Amino acid sequence: MIGGTPPSRDTAKDTFSCKLKCYDPPAGETYYVTLSRSKVRISSYADDAIRETVEIWADGKHKLG
């Protein structure tokens, strides 16, 4: 990870999110992963290997909330 935004929380809806700025050396790409209670979103990537790696990681995690 090379950066990101501070986590935010909406207490009225009991939701949260955090956006991480990541770098993948083999692909030479910078991309973003946004985590929330029910979703993991990947953006700004071109190499499908990045998506596959993040999906494998996310599938191995319990519910975030």
Protein backbone atom coordinates (compact mmCIF):
# COMPACT_ATOMS: atom_id res chain seq x y z
CA MET A 1 0.00 0.00 0.00
CA ILE A 2 1.30 3.48 -0.79
CA GLY A 3 -1.44 5.71 0.59
CA GLY A 4 -5.14 6.14 1.08
CA THR A 5 -7.86 8.19 2.66
CA PRO A 6 -8.83 8.20 6.33
CA PRO A 7 -11.68 5.83 7.13
CA SER A 8 -15.11 7.40 7.34
CA ARG A 9 -18.15 6.28 9.30
CA ASP A 10 -21.81 7.20 8.96
CA THR A 11 -23.16 6.40 12.42
CA ALA A 12 -26.76 7.07 11.37
CA LYS A 13 -26.57 4.23 8.82
CA ASP A 14 -23.85 2.30 10.72
CA THR A 15 -21.65 2.13 7.62
CA PHE A 16 -17.96 2.72 7.01
CA SER A 17 -15.49 2.81 4.15
CA CYS A 18 -11.78 3.13 3.59
CA LYS A 19 -10.01 3.69 0.26
CA LEU A 20 -6.48 2.31 -0.12
CA LYS A 21 -4.04 3.33 -2.83
CA CYS A 22 -1.99 0.26 -3.79
CA TYR A 23 0.91 -0.49 -6.10
CA ASP A 24 1.56 -3.82 -7.83
CA PRO A 25 5.26 -4.05 -8.80
CA PRO A 26 4.93 -6.98 -11.27
CA ALA A 27 2.23 -5.14 -13.24
CA GLY A 28 3.71 -1.70 -12.58
CA GLU A 29 0.23 -0.38 -11.76
CA THR A 30 -1.23 1.84 -9.11
CA TYR A 31 -4.82 0.94 -8.24
CA TYR A 32 -7.38 1.51 -5.49
CA VAL A 33 -9.18 -0.86 -3.14
CA THR A 34 -12.20 0.46 -1.25
CA LEU A 35 -13.40 -1.53 1.75
CA SER A 36 -16.85 -1.25 3.29
CA ARG A 37 -18.96 -3.43 5.55
CA SER A 38 -20.39 -5.44 2.67
CA LYS A 39 -18.15 -4.78 -0.37
CA VAL A 40 -14.59 -4.69 -1.61
CA ARG A 41 -14.27 -2.51 -4.73
CA ILE A 42 -11.21 -2.37 -7.00
CA SER A 43 -10.70 0.54 -9.38
CA SER A 44 -8.12 1.98 -11.80
CA TYR A 45 -6.46 -1.29 -12.75
CA ALA A 46 -5.80 -2.84 -16.15
CA ASP A 47 -4.14 -6.18 -15.32
CA ASP A 48 -6.75 -8.84 -14.46
CA ALA A 49 -4.19 -10.53 -12.21
CA ILE A 50 -4.70 -7.64 -9.76
CA ARG A 51 -8.45 -8.28 -9.64
CA GLU A 52 -7.89 -12.01 -9.19
CA THR A 53 -5.41 -11.45 -6.34
CA VAL A 54 -7.76 -9.08 -4.50
CA GLU A 55 -10.72 -11.44 -5.02
CA ILE A 56 -8.76 -14.37 -3.56
CA TRP A 57 -7.75 -12.23 -0.59
CA ALA A 58 -11.32 -10.99 -0.01
CA ASP A 59 -12.83 -14.47 -0.33
CA GLY A 60 -10.58 -15.62 2.51
CA LYS A 61 -11.86 -12.96 4.93
CA HIS A 62 -14.84 -13.09 7.23
CA LYS A 63 -17.49 -10.42 6.98
CA LEU A 64 -15.87 -7.07 7.75
CA GLY A 65 -18.65 -5.88 10.05
